C-alpha atoms as a PDB file:
ATOM      1  CA  MET A   1      52.483  13.297  55.903  1.00  0.00           C
ATOM      2  CA  ASN A   2      50.398  11.022  58.191  1.00  0.00           C
ATOM      3  CA  THR A   3      51.414  10.293  61.789  1.00  0.00           C
ATOM      4  CA  THR A   4      50.444   7.204  63.797  1.00  0.00           C
ATOM      5  CA  GLN A   5      51.023   7.241  67.589  1.00  0.00           C
ATOM      6  CA  PHE A   6      52.014   4.098  69.521  1.00  0.00           C
ATOM      7  CA  ASN A   7      52.636   4.678  73.243  1.00  0.00           C
ATOM      8  CA  GLY A   8      54.285   8.007  72.598  1.00  0.00           C
ATOM      9  CA  HIS A   9      56.217   6.918  69.501  1.00  0.00           C
ATOM     10  CA  ALA A  10      54.959   8.224  66.203  1.00  0.00           C
ATOM     11  CA  VAL A  11      55.635   6.657  62.834  1.00  0.00           C
ATOM     12  CA  ARG A  12      55.247   9.086  59.948  1.00  0.00           C
ATOM     13  CA  LEU A  13      54.459   7.924  56.457  1.00  0.00           C
ATOM     14  CA  ALA A  14      54.893   9.856  53.225  1.00  0.00           C
ATOM     15  CA  LEU A  15      55.613   9.237  49.552  1.00  0.00           C
ATOM     16  CA  PRO A  16      57.959   7.836  48.264  1.00  0.00           C
ATOM     17  CA  PRO A  17      59.748   5.198  50.474  1.00  0.00           C
ATOM     18  CA  LEU A  18      62.861   4.954  52.486  1.00  0.00           C
ATOM     19  CA  PRO A  19      64.406   1.472  52.552  1.00  0.00           C
ATOM     20  CA  ARG A  20      64.397  -0.531  55.815  1.00  0.00           C
ATOM     21  CA  ILE A  21      60.615  -0.168  56.299  1.00  0.00           C
ATOM     22  CA  LEU A  22      60.224  -3.549  58.016  1.00  0.00           C
ATOM     23  CA  SER A  23      63.365  -3.238  60.100  1.00  0.00           C
ATOM     24  CA  GLN A  24      62.311   0.187  61.378  1.00  0.00           C
ATOM     25  CA  ALA A  25      58.901  -1.062  62.420  1.00  0.00           C
ATOM     26  CA  VAL A  26      60.427  -3.995  64.303  1.00  0.00           C
ATOM     27  CA  CYS A  27      63.007  -1.774  65.994  1.00  0.00           C
ATOM     28  CA  ALA A  28      60.346   0.724  67.014  1.00  0.00           C
ATOM     29  CA  LEU A  29      58.545  -2.047  68.904  1.00  0.00           C
ATOM     30  CA  ALA A  30      61.795  -3.182  70.499  1.00  0.00           C
ATOM     31  CA  PHE A  31      62.381   0.365  71.729  1.00  0.00           C
ATOM     32  CA  LEU A  32      58.981   0.508  73.391  1.00  0.00           C
ATOM     33  CA  LEU A  33      59.749  -2.620  75.382  1.00  0.00           C
ATOM     34  CA  ALA A  34      63.197  -1.464  76.460  1.00  0.00           C
ATOM     35  CA  GLY A  35      63.491   0.105  79.900  1.00  0.00           C
ATOM     36  CA  ALA A  36      67.176   1.009  79.701  1.00  0.00           C
ATOM     37  CA  GLY A  37      70.293   0.376  77.650  1.00  0.00           C
ATOM     38  CA  THR A  38      70.326   0.711  73.872  1.00  0.00           C
ATOM     39  CA  ALA A  39      67.392   1.302  71.554  1.00  0.00           C
ATOM     40  CA  SER A  40      67.662   0.570  67.838  1.00  0.00           C
ATOM     41  CA  ALA A  41      65.586   2.265  65.173  1.00  0.00           C
ATOM     42  CA  GLY A  42      66.235   1.655  61.525  1.00  0.00           C
ATOM     43  CA  SER A  43      69.945   2.329  61.110  1.00  0.00           C
ATOM     44  CA  PHE A  44      70.598   4.374  64.257  1.00  0.00           C
ATOM     45  CA  GLN A  45      70.937   3.677  67.978  1.00  0.00           C
ATOM     46  CA  VAL A  46      70.351   5.967  70.957  1.00  0.00           C
ATOM     47  CA  ILE A  47      72.187   5.483  74.263  1.00  0.00           C
ATOM     48  CA  PRO A  48      70.749   5.819  76.887  1.00  0.00           C
ATOM     49  CA  VAL A  49      67.022   5.415  76.241  1.00  0.00           C
ATOM     50  CA  ARG A  50      66.001   7.328  79.372  1.00  0.00           C
ATOM     51  CA  VAL A  51      67.507  10.485  80.906  1.00  0.00           C
ATOM     52  CA  THR A  52      67.242  11.919  84.418  1.00  0.00           C
ATOM     53  CA  LEU A  53      68.165  15.546  85.096  1.00  0.00           C
ATOM     54  CA  SER A  54      68.389  17.416  88.408  1.00  0.00           C
ATOM     55  CA  ALA A  55      69.599  20.648  89.957  1.00  0.00           C
ATOM     56  CA  GLY A  56      72.922  18.967  90.626  1.00  0.00           C
ATOM     57  CA  LYS A  57      73.070  17.427  87.156  1.00  0.00           C
ATOM     58  CA  PRO A  58      71.225  19.794  84.809  1.00  0.00           C
ATOM     59  CA  ILE A  59      72.992  18.561  81.647  1.00  0.00           C
ATOM     60  CA  ALA A  60      73.212  15.050  80.198  1.00  0.00           C
ATOM     61  CA  ALA A  61      74.781  13.620  77.052  1.00  0.00           C
ATOM     62  CA  MET A  62      73.334  11.009  74.706  1.00  0.00           C
ATOM     63  CA  THR A  63      75.070   9.151  71.903  1.00  0.00           C
ATOM     64  CA  VAL A  64      73.376   8.625  68.548  1.00  0.00           C
ATOM     65  CA  ARG A  65      75.102   5.997  66.409  1.00  0.00           C
ATOM     66  CA  ASN A  66      74.448   5.327  62.744  1.00  0.00           C
ATOM     67  CA  THR A  67      74.871   1.609  62.134  1.00  0.00           C
ATOM     68  CA  GLY A  68      73.645   1.808  58.543  1.00  0.00           C
ATOM     69  CA  GLY A  69      75.502   2.196  55.304  1.00  0.00           C
ATOM     70  CA  GLU A  70      74.160   5.665  54.455  1.00  0.00           C
ATOM     71  CA  PRO A  71      74.272   9.044  56.252  1.00  0.00           C
ATOM     72  CA  ALA A  72      71.299   9.686  58.540  1.00  0.00           C
ATOM     73  CA  VAL A  73      69.822  13.155  59.063  1.00  0.00           C
ATOM     74  CA  LEU A  74      68.016  13.591  62.398  1.00  0.00           C
ATOM     75  CA  GLN A  75      66.178  16.461  64.018  1.00  0.00           C
ATOM     76  CA  LEU A  76      65.323  16.987  67.699  1.00  0.00           C
ATOM     77  CA  GLU A  77      62.129  18.163  69.374  1.00  0.00           C
ATOM     78  CA  VAL A  78      61.385  18.378  73.112  1.00  0.00           C
ATOM     79  CA  MET A  79      57.826  18.090  74.402  1.00  0.00           C
ATOM     80  CA  SER A  80      56.360  18.464  77.870  1.00  0.00           C
ATOM     81  CA  TRP A  81      54.737  15.146  78.812  1.00  0.00           C
ATOM     82  CA  SER A  82      51.585  14.822  80.879  1.00  0.00           C
ATOM     83  CA  GLN A  83      48.695  12.384  81.078  1.00  0.00           C
ATOM     84  CA  ALA A  84      44.927  12.801  81.168  1.00  0.00           C
ATOM     85  CA  GLN A  85      42.366   9.991  81.455  1.00  0.00           C
ATOM     86  CA  GLY A  86      45.046   7.393  80.801  1.00  0.00           C
ATOM     87  CA  LYS A  87      46.281   9.084  77.617  1.00  0.00           C
ATOM     88  CA  ASP A  88      49.665  10.699  76.997  1.00  0.00           C
ATOM     89  CA  VAL A  89      49.524  14.426  76.254  1.00  0.00           C
ATOM     90  CA  TYR A  90      52.431  16.305  74.637  1.00  0.00           C
ATOM     91  CA  THR A  91      52.869  20.072  74.385  1.00  0.00           C
ATOM     92  CA  PRO A  92      55.801  22.147  73.111  1.00  0.00           C
ATOM     93  CA  THR A  93      58.179  23.381  75.800  1.00  0.00           C
ATOM     94  CA  LYS A  94      61.302  25.511  76.161  1.00  0.00           C
ATOM     95  CA  GLU A  95      62.127  24.129  79.601  1.00  0.00           C
ATOM     96  CA  ILE A  96      64.585  21.632  78.081  1.00  0.00           C
ATOM     97  CA  LEU A  97      67.295  22.587  75.614  1.00  0.00           C
ATOM     98  CA  ALA A  98      68.452  19.894  73.169  1.00  0.00           C
ATOM     99  CA  THR A  99      71.383  20.484  70.858  1.00  0.00           C
ATOM    100  CA  PRO A 100      72.234  20.249  68.020  1.00  0.00           C
ATOM    101  CA  PRO A 101      68.629  20.653  66.813  1.00  0.00           C
ATOM    102  CA  ILE A 102      69.412  18.985  63.468  1.00  0.00           C
ATOM    103  CA  PHE A 103      72.468  16.982  62.470  1.00  0.00           C
ATOM    104  CA  THR A 104      73.840  14.410  60.064  1.00  0.00           C
ATOM    105  CA  VAL A 105      75.452  11.208  61.321  1.00  0.00           C
ATOM    106  CA  PRO A 106      77.749   9.613  58.726  1.00  0.00           C
ATOM    107  CA  ALA A 107      77.510   5.902  58.015  1.00  0.00           C
ATOM    108  CA  GLY A 108      79.191   4.064  60.893  1.00  0.00           C
ATOM    109  CA  GLY A 109      79.630   7.317  62.822  1.00  0.00           C
ATOM    110  CA  SER A 110      78.144   8.839  65.957  1.00  0.00           C
ATOM    111  CA  GLN A 111      76.903  12.184  67.277  1.00  0.00           C
ATOM    112  CA  ILE A 112      76.741  13.480  70.857  1.00  0.00           C
ATOM    113  CA  VAL A 113      73.412  15.104  71.750  1.00  0.00           C
ATOM    114  CA  ARG A 114      73.215  17.220  74.890  1.00  0.00           C
ATOM    115  CA  VAL A 115      70.062  18.029  76.829  1.00  0.00           C
ATOM    116  CA  GLY A 116      69.901  20.679  79.516  1.00  0.00           C
ATOM    117  CA  LEU A 117      67.370  21.735  82.142  1.00  0.00           C
ATOM    118  CA  ARG A 118      66.422  25.406  81.800  1.00  0.00           C
ATOM    119  CA  ARG A 119      64.285  25.739  84.931  1.00  0.00           C
ATOM    120  CA  PRO A 120      64.527  24.705  88.598  1.00  0.00           C
ATOM    121  CA  PRO A 121      63.083  21.298  89.537  1.00  0.00           C
ATOM    122  CA  ASP A 122      59.598  21.343  91.024  1.00  0.00           C
ATOM    123  CA  ALA A 123      59.765  21.038  94.798  1.00  0.00           C
ATOM    124  CA  GLN A 124      56.731  18.760  95.050  1.00  0.00           C
ATOM    125  CA  ARG A 125      56.397  16.694  91.876  1.00  0.00           C
ATOM    126  CA  GLU A 126      58.501  15.145  89.149  1.00  0.00           C
ATOM    127  CA  LEU A 127      58.748  16.997  85.828  1.00  0.00           C
ATOM    128  CA  THR A 128      58.356  14.810  82.748  1.00  0.00           C
ATOM    129  CA  TYR A 129      59.317  15.379  79.115  1.00  0.00           C
ATOM    130  CA  ARG A 130      60.082  13.453  75.946  1.00  0.00           C
ATOM    131  CA  LEU A 131      62.938  14.148  73.569  1.00  0.00           C
ATOM    132  CA  TYR A 132      61.961  13.130  70.048  1.00  0.00           C
ATOM    133  CA  LEU A 133      64.556  12.135  67.466  1.00  0.00           C
ATOM    134  CA  GLU A 134      63.082  12.102  63.987  1.00  0.00           C
ATOM    135  CA  GLU A 135      64.658  10.911  60.782  1.00  0.00           C
ATOM    136  CA  VAL A 136      64.618  13.378  57.899  1.00  0.00           C
ATOM    137  CA  PRO A 137      64.082  11.213  54.789  1.00  0.00           C
ATOM    138  CA  PRO A 138      66.653  11.587  52.020  1.00  0.00           C
ATOM    139  CA  PRO A 139      65.487  12.568  48.527  1.00  0.00           C
ATOM    140  CA  PRO A 140      64.013   9.577  46.691  1.00  0.00           C
ATOM    141  CA  LYS A 141      66.088   7.895  44.052  1.00  0.00           C
ATOM    142  CA  PRO A 142      64.976   8.534  40.458  1.00  0.00           C
ATOM    143  CA  GLY A 143      62.161   6.244  39.394  1.00  0.00           C
ATOM    144  CA  PHE A 144      61.502   4.866  42.901  1.00  0.00           C
ATOM    145  CA  GLN A 145      57.821   4.515  43.832  1.00  0.00           C
ATOM    146  CA  GLY A 146      56.109   3.383  47.007  1.00  0.00           C
ATOM    147  CA  LEU A 147      55.911   4.450  50.654  1.00  0.00           C
ATOM    148  CA  GLN A 148      58.547   6.267  52.686  1.00  0.00           C
ATOM    149  CA  MET A 149      58.793   5.743  56.447  1.00  0.00           C
ATOM    150  CA  ALA A 150      60.514   8.065  58.910  1.00  0.00           C
ATOM    151  CA  LEU A 151      60.681   6.958  62.535  1.00  0.00           C
ATOM    152  CA  ARG A 152      59.956   9.435  65.328  1.00  0.00           C
ATOM    153  CA  MET A 153      61.476   8.086  68.508  1.00  0.00           C
ATOM    154  CA  GLY A 154      60.654   9.441  71.988  1.00  0.00           C
ATOM    155  CA  VAL A 155      63.186   9.283  74.843  1.00  0.00           C
ATOM    156  CA  PRO A 156      61.700   9.961  78.315  1.00  0.00           C
ATOM    157  CA  LEU A 157      63.288  12.769  80.347  1.00  0.00           C
ATOM    158  CA  PHE A 158      62.633  12.942  84.091  1.00  0.00           C
ATOM    159  CA  VAL A 159      63.401  15.646  86.659  1.00  0.00           C
ATOM    160  CA  PRO A 160      62.655  14.306  90.164  1.00  0.00           C
ATOM    161  CA  PRO A 161      61.428  16.612  92.948  1.00  0.00           C
ATOM    162  CA  ALA A 162      63.618  17.646  95.856  1.00  0.00           C
ATOM    163  CA  ALA A 163      62.062  15.031  98.136  1.00  0.00           C
ATOM    164  CA  VAL A 164      61.202  11.791  96.342  1.00  0.00           C
ATOM    165  CA  GLN A 165      58.481   9.732  98.004  1.00  0.00           C
ATOM    166  CA  LEU A 166      58.266   5.979  98.010  1.00  0.00           C
ATOM    167  CA  PRO A 167      55.758   4.724  95.401  1.00  0.00           C
ATOM    168  CA  VAL A 168      52.171   5.165  96.589  1.00  0.00           C
ATOM    169  CA  LEU A 169      50.135   2.977  94.249  1.00  0.00           C
ATOM    170  CA  ALA A 170      46.469   2.004  94.508  1.00  0.00           C
ATOM    171  CA  TRP A 171      45.568  -1.125  92.504  1.00  0.00           C
ATOM    172  CA  ARG A 172      42.146  -2.327  91.375  1.00  0.00           C
ATOM    173  CA  ILE A 173      40.922  -5.358  89.433  1.00  0.00           C
ATOM    174  CA  PHE A 174      37.818  -5.266  87.246  1.00  0.00           C
ATOM    175  CA  ARG A 175      35.763  -7.772  85.296  1.00  0.00           C
ATOM    176  CA  THR A 176      34.521  -6.185  82.074  1.00  0.00           C
ATOM    177  CA  LYS A 177      31.111  -6.720  80.511  1.00  0.00           C
ATOM    178  CA  GLU A 178      32.818  -9.076  78.069  1.00  0.00           C
ATOM    179  CA  GLY A 179      34.062 -11.187  80.994  1.00  0.00           C
ATOM    180  CA  GLN A 180      37.752 -10.225  80.793  1.00  0.00           C
ATOM    181  CA  PHE A 181      39.939  -9.053  83.645  1.00  0.00           C
ATOM    182  CA  GLU A 182      41.282  -5.505  83.718  1.00  0.00           C
ATOM    183  CA  VAL A 183      43.842  -4.139  86.173  1.00  0.00           C
ATOM    184  CA  GLY A 184      44.098  -0.471  87.066  1.00  0.00           C
ATOM    185  CA  VAL A 185      46.489   1.638  89.110  1.00  0.00           C
ATOM    186  CA  THR A 186      46.446   5.162  90.495  1.00  0.00           C
ATOM    187  CA  ASN A 187      49.854   6.692  91.155  1.00  0.00           C
ATOM    188  CA  ASN A 188      49.498   8.767  94.317  1.00  0.00           C
ATOM    189  CA  GLY A 189      53.254   9.318  94.595  1.00  0.00           C
ATOM    190  CA  ASN A 190      55.265  12.245  93.299  1.00  0.00           C
ATOM    191  CA  THR A 191      57.338  10.355  90.690  1.00  0.00           C
ATOM    192  CA  HIS A 192      56.488   8.073  87.771  1.00  0.00           C
ATOM    193  CA  VAL A 193      56.099   4.311  87.840  1.00  0.00           C
ATOM    194  CA  GLN A 194      56.904   2.066  84.869  1.00  0.00           C
ATOM    195  CA  VAL A 195      54.943  -1.182  84.826  1.00  0.00           C
ATOM    196  CA  ALA A 196      56.457  -4.176  83.011  1.00  0.00           C
ATOM    197  CA  ASN A 197      53.988  -7.017  83.636  1.00  0.00           C
ATOM    198  CA  VAL A 198      51.274  -8.254  85.982  1.00  0.00           C
ATOM    199  CA  ARG A 199      50.529 -11.713  87.367  1.00  0.00           C
ATOM    200  CA  LEU A 200      47.223 -12.877  88.820  1.00  0.00           C
ATOM    201  CA  ALA A 201      46.632 -15.776  91.189  1.00  0.00           C
ATOM    202  CA  ARG A 202      43.590 -17.060  93.014  1.00  0.00           C
ATOM    203  CA  ALA A 203      43.291 -16.158  96.662  1.00  0.00           C
ATOM    204  CA  ASP A 204      44.157 -19.785  97.492  1.00  0.00           C
ATOM    205  CA  GLY A 205      47.396 -19.529  95.492  1.00  0.00           C
ATOM    206  CA  GLY A 206      46.347 -21.090  92.168  1.00  0.00           C
ATOM    207  CA  GLU A 207      48.012 -19.306  89.229  1.00  0.00           C
ATOM    208  CA  LEU A 208      45.824 -17.697  86.563  1.00  0.00           C
ATOM    209  CA  GLY A 209      48.526 -16.229  84.325  1.00  0.00           C
ATOM    210  CA  THR A 210      50.904 -13.396  83.510  1.00  0.00           C
ATOM    211  CA  GLN A 211      50.647 -10.633  80.951  1.00  0.00           C
ATOM    212  CA  GLN A 212      53.344  -8.287  79.717  1.00  0.00           C
ATOM    213  CA  ILE A 213      52.422  -4.634  79.691  1.00  0.00           C
ATOM    214  CA  ALA A 214      54.713  -1.694  79.010  1.00  0.00           C
ATOM    215  CA  GLY A 215      53.725   1.719  80.199  1.00  0.00           C
ATOM    216  CA  TYR A 216      54.451   4.688  82.402  1.00  0.00           C
ATOM    217  CA  VAL A 217      51.995   6.114  84.919  1.00  0.00           C
ATOM    218  CA  LEU A 218      52.931   9.681  85.830  1.00  0.00           C
ATOM    219  CA  PRO A 219      52.368  11.235  89.276  1.00  0.00           C
ATOM    220  CA  GLY A 220      48.725  11.811  90.124  1.00  0.00           C
ATOM    221  CA  GLN A 221      47.519   9.778  87.136  1.00  0.00           C
ATOM    222  CA  SER A 222      45.694   6.484  86.612  1.00  0.00           C
ATOM    223  CA  HIS A 223      45.840   3.816  83.938  1.00  0.00           C
ATOM    224  CA  ASN A 224      44.013   0.571  83.174  1.00  0.00           C
ATOM    225  CA  TRP A 225      45.224  -2.447  81.185  1.00  0.00           C
ATOM    226  CA  LEU A 226      42.966  -5.103  79.686  1.00  0.00           C
ATOM    227  CA  LEU A 227      44.451  -8.517  80.467  1.00  0.00           C
ATOM    228  CA  LYS A 228      43.746 -10.360  77.239  1.00  0.00           C
ATOM    229  CA  ASP A 229      46.267 -13.120  77.965  1.00  0.00           C
ATOM    230  CA  ILE A 230      44.834 -14.078  81.366  1.00  0.00           C
ATOM    231  CA  PRO A 231      41.606 -16.115  81.242  1.00  0.00           C
ATOM    232  CA  ALA A 232      38.845 -14.681  83.401  1.00  0.00           C
ATOM    233  CA  SER A 233      36.618 -16.799  85.608  1.00  0.00           C
ATOM    234  CA  PRO A 234      33.120 -15.532  86.459  1.00  0.00           C
ATOM    235  CA  SER A 235      33.231 -17.298  89.837  1.00  0.00           C
ATOM    236  CA  VAL A 236      36.362 -15.554  91.151  1.00  0.00           C
ATOM    237  CA  ALA A 237      35.532 -12.835  93.694  1.00  0.00           C
ATOM    238  CA  ALA A 238      39.085 -11.858  94.696  1.00  0.00           C
ATOM    239  CA  LEU A 239      42.533 -12.206  93.165  1.00  0.00           C
ATOM    240  CA  HIS A 240      46.127 -11.917  94.351  1.00  0.00           C
ATOM    241  CA  LEU A 241      47.989  -9.330  92.258  1.00  0.00           C
ATOM    242  CA  PHE A 242      51.741  -9.317  91.602  1.00  0.00           C
ATOM    243  CA  VAL A 243      53.343  -6.523  89.573  1.00  0.00           C
ATOM    244  CA  GLN A 244      56.820  -6.097  88.110  1.00  0.00           C
ATOM    245  CA  THR A 245      58.018  -2.485  87.811  1.00  0.00           C
ATOM    246  CA  GLU A 246      61.322  -0.758  87.100  1.00  0.00           C
ATOM    247  CA  ALA A 247      61.632  -0.109  90.839  1.00  0.00           C
ATOM    248  CA  GLY A 248      61.179  -3.769  91.734  1.00  0.00           C
ATOM    249  CA  ASP A 249      58.500  -6.391  92.293  1.00  0.00           C
ATOM    250  CA  ILE A 250      55.293  -5.397  94.070  1.00  0.00           C
ATOM    251  CA  ASP A 251      52.930  -7.684  95.957  1.00  0.00           C
ATOM    252  CA  GLY A 252      49.591  -5.948  95.526  1.00  0.00           C
ATOM    253  CA  GLY A 253      47.842  -8.322  97.924  1.00  0.00           C
ATOM    254  CA  VAL A 254      44.424  -9.898  97.542  1.00  0.00           C
ATOM    255  CA  ILE A 255      42.017  -7.526  95.787  1.00  0.00           C
ATOM    256  CA  ASN A 256      38.264  -7.868  95.351  1.00  0.00           C
ATOM    257  CA  VAL A 257      37.175  -8.037  91.713  1.00  0.00           C
ATOM    258  CA  GLU A 258      34.824  -5.210  90.742  1.00  0.00           C
ATOM    259  CA  GLN A 259      32.251  -5.424  87.961  1.00  0.00           C
ATOM    260  CA  LYS A 260      32.827  -2.767  85.320  1.00  0.00           C
END
């Protein structure tokens, strides 16, 4: 079985196929862009799409709903989530308990999944995990040939530290060798930041454009985004940066453009 990663969400392909291939791919993308609320994947929904645990609230419940016309078998896996050089890194962990580990949701039915924190929160820095829900493909129907897709869906789990700091973010703007703009951020705070989009303007106020980006930057980590939708000008020496995050809008101020 082959696995393809997309921002922490892996799509696994095997032979033969499960129906709903196109709908699952579309719903997987919709889930990546969702910050909260309901995420759809194939024939099931997960509510909520992000979980926060703490010493005072070490257990949380999630609802998995099967909106399809056939039973859905799902299995759970919890991974510790870190980042290195702008890449997500996942390792097995026993610090979070998720139950039931495997279950069947009847057509039109729902299942409660509970996750629990099995260690004390870190006093200095946020703990980060992902709970993966993976479809277990049903046996193929006789005579059916093709590709089978099973969606592996990652729900972020956060455990904030005892004393949460205000976001401490350092922004930079680069011009690549190809002449495109690139924006980077270093998260010097002790909790994550989720970036939704960035907007660039000239120092005199003239708009250059906006680009949607969807990504988390964990504490102590950095990440860069290539701004393909914003035209770069070789004569611009400084730009005014505006950023939309889950915590609110940020005015990054006027930043000198560095050559990369």
